[in-house]
């Protein structure tokens, strides 16, 4: 069982998406944490990037190449222009659907993407995934 101490905002939503996509059994802890934290047994893991990569490694699902994922998990990930350049030529940010897409979707969903047809198409592909909807709703 994974205990999820949610923060607020896109980091928490990204983890919610990952937990739902990976079909992991989790309980949402009451209250809010300054940053999202998961607890499995006695192990506490803070921060979206750490949690997403750990969940992907644990399940063997949606695991990106660490080097390719690094820019997306930095303090200042590439912006909408860079996303548009990538998504105008492929379906997902790293080619296949990974935790990087899960991390960036809540951020893009909060922005104005009307001028970005590639991002809008990518968002439409993700929006039809039931786990994305459930994950986005983990924390209101």
C-alpha atoms as a PDB file:
ATOM      1  CA  UNK A   1       0.000   0.000   0.000  1.00  0.00           C
ATOM      2  CA  UNK A   2       1.260   3.450  -0.928  1.00  0.00           C
ATOM      3  CA  UNK A   3       0.296   6.383   1.274  1.00  0.00           C
ATOM      4  CA  UNK A   4       0.195   9.600  -0.711  1.00  0.00           C
ATOM      5  CA  UNK A   5       0.595  12.857   1.178  1.00  0.00           C
ATOM      6  CA  UNK A   6      -0.566  15.296  -1.456  1.00  0.00           C
ATOM      7  CA  UNK A   7       0.610  18.810  -1.934  1.00  0.00           C
ATOM      8  CA  UNK A   8      -1.412  21.010  -4.236  1.00  0.00           C
ATOM      9  CA  UNK A   9      -1.203  21.873  -7.886  1.00  0.00           C
ATOM     10  CA  UNK A  10       0.326  20.188 -10.901  1.00  0.00           C
ATOM     11  CA  UNK A  11       2.958  18.106  -9.055  1.00  0.00           C
ATOM     12  CA  UNK A  12       0.272  16.373  -7.026  1.00  0.00           C
ATOM     13  CA  UNK A  13      -1.900  15.873 -10.105  1.00  0.00           C
ATOM     14  CA  UNK A  14       1.045  14.324 -11.996  1.00  0.00           C
ATOM     15  CA  UNK A  15       1.564  11.796  -9.203  1.00  0.00           C
ATOM     16  CA  UNK A  16      -2.165  11.099  -9.149  1.00  0.00           C
ATOM     17  CA  UNK A  17      -2.047  10.353 -12.865  1.00  0.00           C
ATOM     18  CA  UNK A  18       0.921   8.008 -12.400  1.00  0.00           C
ATOM     19  CA  UNK A  19      -0.685   6.142  -9.499  1.00  0.00           C
ATOM     20  CA  UNK A  20      -3.845   5.661 -11.551  1.00  0.00           C
ATOM     21  CA  UNK A  21      -2.044   4.742 -14.804  1.00  0.00           C
ATOM     22  CA  UNK A  22       0.095   2.165 -12.995  1.00  0.00           C
ATOM     23  CA  UNK A  23      -2.958   0.719 -11.220  1.00  0.00           C
ATOM     24  CA  UNK A  24      -1.256   1.070  -7.844  1.00  0.00           C
ATOM     25  CA  UNK A  25      -3.112   0.657  -4.584  1.00  0.00           C
ATOM     26  CA  UNK A  26      -2.840   3.915  -2.656  1.00  0.00           C
ATOM     27  CA  UNK A  27      -4.493   5.870   0.106  1.00  0.00           C
ATOM     28  CA  UNK A  28      -4.642   9.639   0.051  1.00  0.00           C
ATOM     29  CA  UNK A  29      -3.476  10.907   3.436  1.00  0.00           C
ATOM     30  CA  UNK A  30      -5.545  13.690   5.019  1.00  0.00           C
ATOM     31  CA  UNK A  31      -4.311  17.273   4.882  1.00  0.00           C
ATOM     32  CA  UNK A  32      -1.704  18.723   2.566  1.00  0.00           C
ATOM     33  CA  UNK A  33       2.073  18.468   2.519  1.00  0.00           C
ATOM     34  CA  UNK A  34       4.354  21.306   1.343  1.00  0.00           C
ATOM     35  CA  UNK A  35       5.533  18.948  -1.428  1.00  0.00           C
ATOM     36  CA  UNK A  36       3.999  15.632  -2.460  1.00  0.00           C
ATOM     37  CA  UNK A  37       5.321  12.663  -0.478  1.00  0.00           C
ATOM     38  CA  UNK A  38       4.712   8.938  -0.815  1.00  0.00           C
ATOM     39  CA  UNK A  39       5.260   6.447   1.970  1.00  0.00           C
ATOM     40  CA  UNK A  40       5.717   2.727   1.421  1.00  0.00           C
ATOM     41  CA  UNK A  41       6.444   0.872   4.634  1.00  0.00           C
ATOM     42  CA  UNK A  42       8.989   3.027   6.436  1.00  0.00           C
ATOM     43  CA  UNK A  43      10.365   4.638   3.258  1.00  0.00           C
ATOM     44  CA  UNK A  44       9.351   8.247   2.572  1.00  0.00           C
ATOM     45  CA  UNK A  45       9.945   9.693  -0.882  1.00  0.00           C
ATOM     46  CA  UNK A  46       9.398  13.429  -1.410  1.00  0.00           C
ATOM     47  CA  UNK A  47       9.004  15.400  -4.621  1.00  0.00           C
ATOM     48  CA  UNK A  48       7.245  14.759  -7.900  1.00  0.00           C
ATOM     49  CA  UNK A  49      10.314  13.855  -9.961  1.00  0.00           C
ATOM     50  CA  UNK A  50      11.603  11.323  -7.433  1.00  0.00           C
ATOM     51  CA  UNK A  51       8.175   9.779  -6.949  1.00  0.00           C
ATOM     52  CA  UNK A  52       7.379   9.488 -10.664  1.00  0.00           C
ATOM     53  CA  UNK A  53      10.685   7.830 -11.499  1.00  0.00           C
ATOM     54  CA  UNK A  54      10.451   5.495  -8.476  1.00  0.00           C
ATOM     55  CA  UNK A  55       6.920   4.418  -9.407  1.00  0.00           C
ATOM     56  CA  UNK A  56       7.966   3.824 -13.019  1.00  0.00           C
ATOM     57  CA  UNK A  57      10.959   1.742 -11.897  1.00  0.00           C
ATOM     58  CA  UNK A  58       8.815  -0.182  -9.371  1.00  0.00           C
ATOM     59  CA  UNK A  59       6.197  -1.143 -11.954  1.00  0.00           C
ATOM     60  CA  UNK A  60       8.343  -1.249 -15.077  1.00  0.00           C
ATOM     61  CA  UNK A  61       5.731   0.971 -16.744  1.00  0.00           C
ATOM     62  CA  UNK A  62       6.095   4.376 -18.394  1.00  0.00           C
ATOM     63  CA  UNK A  63       9.810   4.533 -17.513  1.00  0.00           C
ATOM     64  CA  UNK A  64      11.699   7.076 -19.601  1.00  0.00           C
ATOM     65  CA  UNK A  65      15.395   7.189 -20.289  1.00  0.00           C
ATOM     66  CA  UNK A  66      16.741   9.157 -17.305  1.00  0.00           C
ATOM     67  CA  UNK A  67      18.928  11.397 -19.461  1.00  0.00           C
ATOM     68  CA  UNK A  68      16.076  12.248 -21.834  1.00  0.00           C
ATOM     69  CA  UNK A  69      13.755  12.942 -18.892  1.00  0.00           C
ATOM     70  CA  UNK A  70      16.217  15.183 -17.032  1.00  0.00           C
ATOM     71  CA  UNK A  71      15.337  18.477 -18.794  1.00  0.00           C
ATOM     72  CA  UNK A  72      11.624  17.909 -18.127  1.00  0.00           C
ATOM     73  CA  UNK A  73      12.269  17.241 -14.452  1.00  0.00           C
ATOM     74  CA  UNK A  74      14.510  20.275 -13.909  1.00  0.00           C
ATOM     75  CA  UNK A  75      13.459  23.302 -11.844  1.00  0.00           C
ATOM     76  CA  UNK A  76      12.663  25.089 -15.098  1.00  0.00           C
ATOM     77  CA  UNK A  77      11.391  22.513 -17.605  1.00  0.00           C
ATOM     78  CA  UNK A  78      11.212  23.406 -21.290  1.00  0.00           C
ATOM     79  CA  UNK A  79       8.349  25.766 -22.051  1.00  0.00           C
ATOM     80  CA  UNK A  80       5.350  25.538 -24.330  1.00  0.00           C
ATOM     81  CA  UNK A  81       7.347  26.524 -27.432  1.00  0.00           C
ATOM     82  CA  UNK A  82       9.745  23.605 -26.914  1.00  0.00           C
ATOM     83  CA  UNK A  83       6.844  21.262 -26.210  1.00  0.00           C
ATOM     84  CA  UNK A  84       5.118  22.398 -29.394  1.00  0.00           C
ATOM     85  CA  UNK A  85       8.262  21.794 -31.464  1.00  0.00           C
ATOM     86  CA  UNK A  86       8.462  18.225 -30.179  1.00  0.00           C
ATOM     87  CA  UNK A  87       4.747  17.437 -30.265  1.00  0.00           C
ATOM     88  CA  UNK A  88       4.275  18.752 -33.787  1.00  0.00           C
ATOM     89  CA  UNK A  89       6.298  15.730 -34.937  1.00  0.00           C
ATOM     90  CA  UNK A  90       5.396  12.966 -32.486  1.00  0.00           C
ATOM     91  CA  UNK A  91       2.566  11.830 -30.216  1.00  0.00           C
ATOM     92  CA  UNK A  92       4.362  12.063 -26.844  1.00  0.00           C
ATOM     93  CA  UNK A  93       7.219  14.111 -25.432  1.00  0.00           C
ATOM     94  CA  UNK A  94       9.785  11.306 -25.486  1.00  0.00           C
ATOM     95  CA  UNK A  95       8.228   9.323 -28.325  1.00  0.00           C
ATOM     96  CA  UNK A  96       6.368   6.841 -26.095  1.00  0.00           C
ATOM     97  CA  UNK A  97       3.972   7.725 -23.273  1.00  0.00           C
ATOM     98  CA  UNK A  98       6.034   8.086 -20.076  1.00  0.00           C
ATOM     99  CA  UNK A  99       5.959   9.755 -16.676  1.00  0.00           C
ATOM    100  CA  UNK A 100       7.308  12.855 -18.430  1.00  0.00           C
ATOM    101  CA  UNK A 101       3.954  13.253 -20.197  1.00  0.00           C
ATOM    102  CA  UNK A 102       2.212  12.702 -16.857  1.00  0.00           C
ATOM    103  CA  UNK A 103       4.360  15.416 -15.277  1.00  0.00           C
ATOM    104  CA  UNK A 104       3.837  17.969 -18.024  1.00  0.00           C
ATOM    105  CA  UNK A 105       0.110  17.446 -18.658  1.00  0.00           C
ATOM    106  CA  UNK A 106      -1.122  19.245 -15.489  1.00  0.00           C
ATOM    107  CA  UNK A 107       1.211  22.153 -16.238  1.00  0.00           C
ATOM    108  CA  UNK A 108       0.007  22.453 -19.828  1.00  0.00           C
ATOM    109  CA  UNK A 109      -3.614  22.106 -18.678  1.00  0.00           C
ATOM    110  CA  UNK A 110      -3.174  25.281 -16.605  1.00  0.00           C
ATOM    111  CA  UNK A 111      -1.739  27.290 -19.482  1.00  0.00           C
ATOM    112  CA  UNK A 112      -3.137  28.963 -22.562  1.00  0.00           C
ATOM    113  CA  UNK A 113      -2.363  26.502 -25.357  1.00  0.00           C
ATOM    114  CA  UNK A 114      -4.655  27.940 -28.020  1.00  0.00           C
ATOM    115  CA  UNK A 115      -1.663  28.887 -30.201  1.00  0.00           C
ATOM    116  CA  UNK A 116      -0.132  25.396 -29.945  1.00  0.00           C
ATOM    117  CA  UNK A 117      -1.896  22.795 -32.126  1.00  0.00           C
ATOM    118  CA  UNK A 118       0.632  20.054 -31.304  1.00  0.00           C
ATOM    119  CA  UNK A 119       0.122  20.526 -27.566  1.00  0.00           C
ATOM    120  CA  UNK A 120      -3.663  20.644 -27.989  1.00  0.00           C
ATOM    121  CA  UNK A 121      -3.582  17.337 -29.904  1.00  0.00           C
ATOM    122  CA  UNK A 122      -1.303  15.795 -27.250  1.00  0.00           C
ATOM    123  CA  UNK A 123      -3.635  16.995 -24.504  1.00  0.00           C
ATOM    124  CA  UNK A 124      -6.599  15.470 -26.340  1.00  0.00           C
ATOM    125  CA  UNK A 125      -4.737  12.121 -26.532  1.00  0.00           C
ATOM    126  CA  UNK A 126      -4.084  12.231 -22.795  1.00  0.00           C
ATOM    127  CA  UNK A 127      -7.518  13.551 -21.835  1.00  0.00           C
ATOM    128  CA  UNK A 128      -9.240  10.438 -23.224  1.00  0.00           C
ATOM    129  CA  UNK A 129      -7.180   8.184 -20.938  1.00  0.00           C
ATOM    130  CA  UNK A 130      -9.429   7.380 -17.948  1.00  0.00           C
ATOM    131  CA  UNK A 131      -6.454   7.315 -15.551  1.00  0.00           C
ATOM    132  CA  UNK A 132      -5.540  10.888 -16.507  1.00  0.00           C
ATOM    133  CA  UNK A 133      -8.991  12.129 -15.540  1.00  0.00           C
ATOM    134  CA  UNK A 134      -8.931  10.214 -12.263  1.00  0.00           C
ATOM    135  CA  UNK A 135      -5.397  11.381 -11.502  1.00  0.00           C
ATOM    136  CA  UNK A 136      -6.210  15.018 -12.188  1.00  0.00           C
ATOM    137  CA  UNK A 137      -9.095  14.708  -9.719  1.00  0.00           C
ATOM    138  CA  UNK A 138      -7.079  13.112  -6.905  1.00  0.00           C
ATOM    139  CA  UNK A 139      -6.866  16.493  -5.209  1.00  0.00           C
ATOM    140  CA  UNK A 140      -9.440  19.171  -5.850  1.00  0.00           C
END
